[in-house]
Amino acid sequence: MIFALAIVVGWSWLGGASIGTILVRVIICAVIIQAGYFVLIYTMIARSAPTPADIARDAERKLSAPEVAEGEKLGSARRSLH
């Protein structure tokens, strides 16, 4: 990221841009790089397959959790207190 920003600064300086213009270009470049990095990491996490530890943890949770019928689940009951 620093290398890319240094290129923007050098290119702008050699192009005769003012300090204010260089600063604006660097900020815009930094925001674009950071947003791209966030999207890349988010995509990598979203597309990753579960690890053996994740699979074992899910299996352990299923074994220790009591089986409850769909109608008896806490979130699905809509009762009045009247």
PDB file of N, CA and C in Angstrom:
ATOM      1  N   MET A   1       0.831  -1.184   0.000  1.00  0.00           N
ATOM      2  CA  MET A   1       0.000   0.000   0.000  1.00  0.00           C
ATOM      3  C   MET A   1       0.877   1.250   0.000  1.00  0.00           C
ATOM      4  N   ILE A   2       1.915   1.227   0.806  1.00  0.00           N
ATOM      5  CA  ILE A   2       2.810   2.390   0.872  1.00  0.00           C
ATOM      6  C   ILE A   2       3.506   2.596  -0.467  1.00  0.00           C
ATOM      7  N   PHE A   3       3.899   1.500  -1.118  1.00  0.00           N
ATOM      8  CA  PHE A   3       4.547   1.602  -2.420  1.00  0.00           C
ATOM      9  C   PHE A   3       3.604   2.220  -3.445  1.00  0.00           C
ATOM     10  N   ALA A   4       2.346   1.789  -3.444  1.00  0.00           N
ATOM     11  CA  ALA A   4       1.362   2.347  -4.378  1.00  0.00           C
ATOM     12  C   ALA A   4       1.130   3.832  -4.104  1.00  0.00           C
ATOM     13  N   LEU A   5       1.054   4.197  -2.839  1.00  0.00           N
ATOM     14  CA  LEU A   5       0.864   5.610  -2.498  1.00  0.00           C
ATOM     15  C   LEU A   5       2.090   6.442  -2.879  1.00  0.00           C
ATOM     16  N   ALA A   6       3.285   5.856  -2.736  1.00  0.00           N
ATOM     17  CA  ALA A   6       4.508   6.564  -3.141  1.00  0.00           C
ATOM     18  C   ALA A   6       4.513   6.801  -4.646  1.00  0.00           C
ATOM     19  N   ILE A   7       4.007   5.844  -5.404  1.00  0.00           N
ATOM     20  CA  ILE A   7       3.921   6.025  -6.857  1.00  0.00           C
ATOM     21  C   ILE A   7       2.949   7.150  -7.192  1.00  0.00           C
ATOM     22  N   VAL A   8       1.820   7.205  -6.493  1.00  0.00           N
ATOM     23  CA  VAL A   8       0.846   8.283  -6.724  1.00  0.00           C
ATOM     24  C   VAL A   8       1.473   9.632  -6.401  1.00  0.00           C
ATOM     25  N   VAL A   9       2.202   9.709  -5.290  1.00  0.00           N
ATOM     26  CA  VAL A   9       2.853  10.975  -4.910  1.00  0.00           C
ATOM     27  C   VAL A   9       3.881  11.374  -5.958  1.00  0.00           C
ATOM     28  N   GLY A  10       4.744  10.433  -6.355  1.00  0.00           N
ATOM     29  CA  GLY A  10       5.774  10.746  -7.345  1.00  0.00           C
ATOM     30  C   GLY A  10       5.201  11.147  -8.688  1.00  0.00           C
ATOM     31  N   TRP A  11       4.206  10.408  -9.132  1.00  0.00           N
ATOM     32  CA  TRP A  11       3.584  10.697 -10.421  1.00  0.00           C
ATOM     33  C   TRP A  11       2.910  12.074 -10.382  1.00  0.00           C
ATOM     34  N   SER A  12       2.212  12.376  -9.296  1.00  0.00           N
ATOM     35  CA  SER A  12       1.554  13.674  -9.174  1.00  0.00           C
ATOM     36  C   SER A  12       2.575  14.806  -9.097  1.00  0.00           C
ATOM     37  N   TRP A  13       3.657  14.585  -8.343  1.00  0.00           N
ATOM     38  CA  TRP A  13       4.696  15.605  -8.197  1.00  0.00           C
ATOM     39  C   TRP A  13       5.354  15.902  -9.535  1.00  0.00           C
ATOM     40  N   LEU A  14       5.689  14.834 -10.281  1.00  0.00           N
ATOM     41  CA  LEU A  14       6.306  15.024 -11.593  1.00  0.00           C
ATOM     42  C   LEU A  14       5.326  15.643 -12.593  1.00  0.00           C
ATOM     43  N   GLY A  15       4.034  15.433 -12.357  1.00  0.00           N
ATOM     44  CA  GLY A  15       3.020  16.026 -13.229  1.00  0.00           C
ATOM     45  C   GLY A  15       2.744  17.477 -12.898  1.00  0.00           C
ATOM     46  N   GLY A  16       3.346  17.988 -11.851  1.00  0.00           N
ATOM     47  CA  GLY A  16       3.197  19.398 -11.501  1.00  0.00           C
ATOM     48  C   GLY A  16       1.972  19.708 -10.660  1.00  0.00           C
ATOM     49  N   ALA A  17       1.431  18.703  -9.968  1.00  0.00           N
ATOM     50  CA  ALA A  17       0.251  18.938  -9.141  1.00  0.00           C
ATOM     51  C   ALA A  17       0.637  19.670  -7.862  1.00  0.00           C
ATOM     52  N   SER A  18      -0.318  20.397  -7.308  1.00  0.00           N
ATOM     53  CA  SER A  18      -0.073  21.112  -6.054  1.00  0.00           C
ATOM     54  C   SER A  18      -0.101  20.133  -4.882  1.00  0.00           C
ATOM     55  N   ILE A  19       0.347  20.597  -3.736  1.00  0.00           N
ATOM     56  CA  ILE A  19       0.380  19.756  -2.539  1.00  0.00           C
ATOM     57  C   ILE A  19      -1.034  19.319  -2.156  1.00  0.00           C
ATOM     58  N   GLY A  20      -1.992  20.208  -2.280  1.00  0.00           N
ATOM     59  CA  GLY A  20      -3.391  19.875  -1.966  1.00  0.00           C
ATOM     60  C   GLY A  20      -3.930  18.786  -2.885  1.00  0.00           C
ATOM     61  N   THR A  21      -3.631  18.912  -4.184  1.00  0.00           N
ATOM     62  CA  THR A  21      -4.072  17.905  -5.151  1.00  0.00           C
ATOM     63  C   THR A  21      -3.405  16.569  -4.874  1.00  0.00           C
ATOM     64  N   ILE A  22      -2.130  16.587  -4.548  1.00  0.00           N
ATOM     65  CA  ILE A  22      -1.412  15.354  -4.231  1.00  0.00           C
ATOM     66  C   ILE A  22      -2.035  14.690  -3.008  1.00  0.00           C
ATOM     67  N   LEU A  23      -2.340  15.482  -1.990  1.00  0.00           N
ATOM     68  CA  LEU A  23      -2.944  14.952  -0.780  1.00  0.00           C
ATOM     69  C   LEU A  23      -4.307  14.320  -1.068  1.00  0.00           C
ATOM     70  N   VAL A  24      -5.128  14.969  -1.857  1.00  0.00           N
ATOM     71  CA  VAL A  24      -6.447  14.432  -2.220  1.00  0.00           C
ATOM     72  C   VAL A  24      -6.279  13.118  -2.988  1.00  0.00           C
ATOM     73  N   ARG A  25      -5.346  13.079  -3.938  1.00  0.00           N
ATOM     74  CA  ARG A  25      -5.111  11.859  -4.709  1.00  0.00           C
ATOM     75  C   ARG A  25      -4.638  10.716  -3.823  1.00  0.00           C
ATOM     76  N   VAL A  26      -3.779  11.012  -2.867  1.00  0.00           N
ATOM     77  CA  VAL A  26      -3.275   9.981  -1.951  1.00  0.00           C
ATOM     78  C   VAL A  26      -4.409   9.450  -1.077  1.00  0.00           C
ATOM     79  N   ILE A  27      -5.252  10.329  -0.578  1.00  0.00           N
ATOM     80  CA  ILE A  27      -6.378   9.893   0.256  1.00  0.00           C
ATOM     81  C   ILE A  27      -7.344   9.028  -0.547  1.00  0.00           C
ATOM     82  N   ILE A  28      -7.670   9.451  -1.764  1.00  0.00           N
ATOM     83  CA  ILE A  28      -8.566   8.660  -2.614  1.00  0.00           C
ATOM     84  C   ILE A  28      -7.953   7.304  -2.928  1.00  0.00           C
ATOM     85  N   CYS A  29      -6.678   7.280  -3.238  1.00  0.00           N
ATOM     86  CA  CYS A  29      -5.985   6.026  -3.535  1.00  0.00           C
ATOM     87  C   CYS A  29      -5.979   5.115  -2.311  1.00  0.00           C
ATOM     88  N   ALA A  30      -5.732   5.660  -1.134  1.00  0.00           N
ATOM     89  CA  ALA A  30      -5.707   4.861   0.087  1.00  0.00           C
ATOM     90  C   ALA A  30      -7.081   4.265   0.391  1.00  0.00           C
ATOM     91  N   VAL A  31      -8.129   5.043   0.178  1.00  0.00           N
ATOM     92  CA  VAL A  31      -9.492   4.547   0.417  1.00  0.00           C
ATOM     93  C   VAL A  31      -9.831   3.419  -0.559  1.00  0.00           C
ATOM     94  N   ILE A  32      -9.470   3.583  -1.830  1.00  0.00           N
ATOM     95  CA  ILE A  32      -9.743   2.545  -2.826  1.00  0.00           C
ATOM     96  C   ILE A  32      -8.972   1.268  -2.497  1.00  0.00           C
ATOM     97  N   ILE A  33      -7.712   1.398  -2.133  1.00  0.00           N
ATOM     98  CA  ILE A  33      -6.909   0.219  -1.776  1.00  0.00           C
ATOM     99  C   ILE A  33      -7.502  -0.475  -0.555  1.00  0.00           C
ATOM    100  N   GLN A  34      -7.888   0.276   0.460  1.00  0.00           N
ATOM    101  CA  GLN A  34      -8.438  -0.318   1.680  1.00  0.00           C
ATOM    102  C   GLN A  34      -9.773  -0.996   1.409  1.00  0.00           C
ATOM    103  N   ALA A  35     -10.624  -0.382   0.605  1.00  0.00           N
ATOM    104  CA  ALA A  35     -11.915  -1.000   0.266  1.00  0.00           C
ATOM    105  C   ALA A  35     -11.702  -2.292  -0.519  1.00  0.00           C
ATOM    106  N   GLY A  36     -10.769  -2.278  -1.453  1.00  0.00           N
ATOM    107  CA  GLY A  36     -10.467  -3.490  -2.209  1.00  0.00           C
ATOM    108  C   GLY A  36      -9.929  -4.588  -1.323  1.00  0.00           C
ATOM    109  N   TYR A  37      -9.096  -4.234  -0.372  1.00  0.00           N
ATOM    110  CA  TYR A  37      -8.558  -5.210   0.575  1.00  0.00           C
ATOM    111  C   TYR A  37      -9.677  -5.819   1.415  1.00  0.00           C
ATOM    112  N   PHE A  38     -10.609  -4.991   1.889  1.00  0.00           N
ATOM    113  CA  PHE A  38     -11.736  -5.467   2.680  1.00  0.00           C
ATOM    114  C   PHE A  38     -12.589  -6.441   1.867  1.00  0.00           C
ATOM    115  N   VAL A  39     -12.893  -6.094   0.631  1.00  0.00           N
ATOM    116  CA  VAL A  39     -13.709  -6.967  -0.228  1.00  0.00           C
ATOM    117  C   VAL A  39     -12.980  -8.285  -0.481  1.00  0.00           C
ATOM    118  N   LEU A  40     -11.686  -8.235  -0.724  1.00  0.00           N
ATOM    119  CA  LEU A  40     -10.909  -9.446  -0.969  1.00  0.00           C
ATOM    120  C   LEU A  40     -10.934 -10.370   0.248  1.00  0.00           C
ATOM    121  N   ILE A  41     -10.671  -9.838   1.427  1.00  0.00           N
ATOM    122  CA  ILE A  41     -10.660 -10.652   2.639  1.00  0.00           C
ATOM    123  C   ILE A  41     -12.054 -11.204   2.929  1.00  0.00           C
ATOM    124  N   TYR A  42     -13.081 -10.379   2.774  1.00  0.00           N
ATOM    125  CA  TYR A  42     -14.455 -10.836   2.994  1.00  0.00           C
ATOM    126  C   TYR A  42     -14.811 -11.976   2.048  1.00  0.00           C
ATOM    127  N   THR A  43     -14.423 -11.858   0.788  1.00  0.00           N
ATOM    128  CA  THR A  43     -14.691 -12.906  -0.198  1.00  0.00           C
ATOM    129  C   THR A  43     -13.950 -14.180   0.148  1.00  0.00           C
ATOM    130  N   MET A  44     -12.706 -14.060   0.569  1.00  0.00           N
ATOM    131  CA  MET A  44     -11.931 -15.243   0.940  1.00  0.00           C
ATOM    132  C   MET A  44     -12.563 -15.968   2.132  1.00  0.00           C
ATOM    133  N   ILE A  45     -13.047 -15.226   3.107  1.00  0.00           N
ATOM    134  CA  ILE A  45     -13.675 -15.834   4.276  1.00  0.00           C
ATOM    135  C   ILE A  45     -15.010 -16.461   3.898  1.00  0.00           C
ATOM    136  N   ALA A  46     -15.794 -15.765   3.092  1.00  0.00           N
ATOM    137  CA  ALA A  46     -17.112 -16.271   2.711  1.00  0.00           C
ATOM    138  C   ALA A  46     -17.019 -17.537   1.863  1.00  0.00           C
ATOM    139  N   ARG A  47     -15.986 -17.665   1.060  1.00  0.00           N
ATOM    140  CA  ARG A  47     -15.855 -18.818   0.174  1.00  0.00           C
ATOM    141  C   ARG A  47     -15.064 -19.970   0.782  1.00  0.00           C
ATOM    142  N   SER A  48     -14.517 -19.785   1.974  1.00  0.00           N
ATOM    143  CA  SER A  48     -13.679 -20.828   2.558  1.00  0.00           C
ATOM    144  C   SER A  48     -14.524 -22.011   3.023  1.00  0.00           C
ATOM    145  N   ALA A  49     -13.980 -23.193   2.858  1.00  0.00           N
ATOM    146  CA  ALA A  49     -14.650 -24.415   3.294  1.00  0.00           C
ATOM    147  C   ALA A  49     -14.440 -24.597   4.794  1.00  0.00           C
ATOM    148  N   PRO A  50     -15.375 -25.262   5.455  1.00  0.00           N
ATOM    149  CA  PRO A  50     -15.184 -25.485   6.893  1.00  0.00           C
ATOM    150  C   PRO A  50     -13.978 -26.385   7.162  1.00  0.00           C
ATOM    151  N   THR A  51     -13.245 -26.063   8.202  1.00  0.00           N
ATOM    152  CA  THR A  51     -12.072 -26.851   8.580  1.00  0.00           C
ATOM    153  C   THR A  51     -12.519 -28.077   9.377  1.00  0.00           C
ATOM    154  N   PRO A  52     -11.649 -29.063   9.528  1.00  0.00           N
ATOM    155  CA  PRO A  52     -12.009 -30.228  10.355  1.00  0.00           C
ATOM    156  C   PRO A  52     -12.402 -29.829  11.783  1.00  0.00           C
ATOM    157  N   ALA A  53     -11.778 -28.801  12.325  1.00  0.00           N
ATOM    158  CA  ALA A  53     -12.136 -28.342  13.671  1.00  0.00           C
ATOM    159  C   ALA A  53     -13.558 -27.788  13.699  1.00  0.00           C
ATOM    160  N   ASP A  54     -13.967 -27.058  12.644  1.00  0.00           N
ATOM    161  CA  ASP A  54     -15.335 -26.544  12.563  1.00  0.00           C
ATOM    162  C   ASP A  54     -16.341 -27.683  12.492  1.00  0.00           C
ATOM    163  N   ILE A  55     -16.039 -28.697  11.700  1.00  0.00           N
ATOM    164  CA  ILE A  55     -16.932 -29.841  11.539  1.00  0.00           C
ATOM    165  C   ILE A  55     -17.057 -30.595  12.858  1.00  0.00           C
ATOM    166  N   ALA A  56     -15.942 -30.801  13.564  1.00  0.00           N
ATOM    167  CA  ALA A  56     -15.974 -31.496  14.850  1.00  0.00           C
ATOM    168  C   ALA A  56     -16.748 -30.697  15.886  1.00  0.00           C
ATOM    169  N   ARG A  57     -16.575 -29.382  15.903  1.00  0.00           N
ATOM    170  CA  ARG A  57     -17.285 -28.534  16.852  1.00  0.00           C
ATOM    171  C   ARG A  57     -18.789 -28.585  16.604  1.00  0.00           C
ATOM    172  N   ASP A  58     -19.207 -28.538  15.333  1.00  0.00           N
ATOM    173  CA  ASP A  58     -20.630 -28.610  15.007  1.00  0.00           C
ATOM    174  C   ASP A  58     -21.212 -29.967  15.405  1.00  0.00           C
ATOM    175  N   ALA A  59     -20.465 -31.037  15.175  1.00  0.00           N
ATOM    176  CA  ALA A  59     -20.939 -32.370  15.543  1.00  0.00           C
ATOM    177  C   ALA A  59     -21.082 -32.487  17.057  1.00  0.00           C
ATOM    178  N   GLU A  60     -20.139 -31.910  17.803  1.00  0.00           N
ATOM    179  CA  GLU A  60     -20.206 -31.953  19.260  1.00  0.00           C
ATOM    180  C   GLU A  60     -21.404 -31.168  19.777  1.00  0.00           C
ATOM    181  N   ARG A  61     -21.694 -30.040  19.163  1.00  0.00           N
ATOM    182  CA  ARG A  61     -22.852 -29.240  19.571  1.00  0.00           C
ATOM    183  C   ARG A  61     -24.147 -29.994  19.311  1.00  0.00           C
ATOM    184  N   LYS A  62     -24.216 -30.698  18.204  1.00  0.00           N
ATOM    185  CA  LYS A  62     -25.426 -31.451  17.886  1.00  0.00           C
ATOM    186  C   LYS A  62     -25.624 -32.603  18.867  1.00  0.00           C
ATOM    187  N   LEU A  63     -24.534 -33.222  19.315  1.00  0.00           N
ATOM    188  CA  LEU A  63     -24.652 -34.330  20.258  1.00  0.00           C
ATOM    189  C   LEU A  63     -25.095 -33.853  21.638  1.00  0.00           C
ATOM    190  N   SER A  64     -24.638 -32.680  22.053  1.00  0.00           N
ATOM    191  CA  SER A  64     -24.953 -32.200  23.396  1.00  0.00           C
ATOM    192  C   SER A  64     -26.270 -31.441  23.460  1.00  0.00           C
ATOM    193  N   ALA A  65     -26.806 -31.024  22.330  1.00  0.00           N
ATOM    194  CA  ALA A  65     -28.052 -30.263  22.324  1.00  0.00           C
ATOM    195  C   ALA A  65     -29.244 -31.220  22.303  1.00  0.00           C
ATOM    196  N   PRO A  66     -30.250 -30.983  23.147  1.00  0.00           N
ATOM    197  CA  PRO A  66     -31.437 -31.843  23.132  1.00  0.00           C
ATOM    198  C   PRO A  66     -32.251 -31.593  21.866  1.00  0.00           C
ATOM    199  N   GLU A  67     -32.850 -32.639  21.353  1.00  0.00           N
ATOM    200  CA  GLU A  67     -33.700 -32.505  20.176  1.00  0.00           C
ATOM    201  C   GLU A  67     -35.051 -31.949  20.602  1.00  0.00           C
ATOM    202  N   VAL A  68     -35.475 -30.879  19.941  1.00  0.00           N
ATOM    203  CA  VAL A  68     -36.740 -30.233  20.253  1.00  0.00           C
ATOM    204  C   VAL A  68     -37.559 -30.185  18.985  1.00  0.00           C
ATOM    205  N   ALA A  69     -38.834 -30.496  19.106  1.00  0.00           N
ATOM    206  CA  ALA A  69     -39.727 -30.457  17.947  1.00  0.00           C
ATOM    207  C   ALA A  69     -39.867 -29.024  17.463  1.00  0.00           C
ATOM    208  N   GLU A  70     -40.187 -28.867  16.193  1.00  0.00           N
ATOM    209  CA  GLU A  70     -40.264 -27.541  15.582  1.00  0.00           C
ATOM    210  C   GLU A  70     -41.285 -26.650  16.294  1.00  0.00           C
ATOM    211  N   GLY A  71     -42.420 -27.190  16.693  1.00  0.00           N
ATOM    212  CA  GLY A  71     -43.457 -26.396  17.346  1.00  0.00           C
ATOM    213  C   GLY A  71     -43.112 -25.995  18.769  1.00  0.00           C
ATOM    214  N   GLU A  72     -42.121 -26.639  19.369  1.00  0.00           N
ATOM    215  CA  GLU A  72     -41.762 -26.364  20.756  1.00  0.00           C
ATOM    216  C   GLU A  72     -40.576 -25.416  20.898  1.00  0.00           C
ATOM    217  N   LYS A  73     -40.025 -24.965  19.810  1.00  0.00           N
ATOM    218  CA  LYS A  73     -38.874 -24.067  19.889  1.00  0.00           C
ATOM    219  C   LYS A  73     -39.281 -22.740  20.503  1.00  0.00           C
ATOM    220  N   LEU A  74     -38.386 -22.168  21.255  1.00  0.00           N
ATOM    221  CA  LEU A  74     -38.681 -20.942  22.004  1.00  0.00           C
ATOM    222  C   LEU A  74     -39.046 -19.789  21.077  1.00  0.00           C
ATOM    223  N   GLY A  75     -38.339 -19.625  19.968  1.00  0.00           N
ATOM    224  CA  GLY A  75     -38.581 -18.491  19.081  1.00  0.00           C
ATOM    225  C   GLY A  75     -39.845 -18.585  18.273  1.00  0.00           C
ATOM    226  N   SER A  76     -40.419 -19.787  18.116  1.00  0.00           N
ATOM    227  CA  SER A  76     -41.579 -19.923  17.254  1.00  0.00           C
ATOM    228  C   SER A  76     -42.895 -19.795  18.008  1.00  0.00           C
ATOM    229  N   ALA A  77     -42.873 -19.803  19.337  1.00  0.00           N
ATOM    230  CA  ALA A  77     -44.099 -19.698  20.112  1.00  0.00           C
ATOM    231  C   ALA A  77     -44.544 -18.237  20.168  1.00  0.00           C
ATOM    232  N   ARG A  78     -45.809 -18.014  19.836  1.00  0.00           N
ATOM    233  CA  ARG A  78     -46.374 -16.660  19.911  1.00  0.00           C
ATOM    234  C   ARG A  78     -47.600 -16.736  20.801  1.00  0.00           C
ATOM    235  N   ARG A  79     -47.389 -16.513  22.078  1.00  0.00           N
ATOM    236  CA  ARG A  79     -48.484 -16.603  23.039  1.00  0.00           C
ATOM    237  C   ARG A  79     -48.726 -15.242  23.651  1.00  0.00           C
ATOM    238  N   SER A  80     -49.954 -15.007  24.018  1.00  0.00           N
ATOM    239  CA  SER A  80     -50.333 -13.766  24.653  1.00  0.00           C
ATOM    240  C   SER A  80     -50.240 -13.922  26.170  1.00  0.00           C
ATOM    241  N   LEU A  81     -49.936 -12.842  26.867  1.00  0.00           N
ATOM    242  CA  LEU A  81     -49.867 -12.867  28.317  1.00  0.00           C
ATOM    243  C   LEU A  81     -51.203 -12.483  28.951  1.00  0.00           C
ATOM    244  N   HIS A  82     -52.247 -12.298  28.186  1.00  0.00           N
ATOM    245  CA  HIS A  82     -53.553 -11.865  28.706  1.00  0.00           C
ATOM    246  C   HIS A  82     -54.250 -12.982  29.382  1.00  0.00           C
TER     247      HIS A  82
END
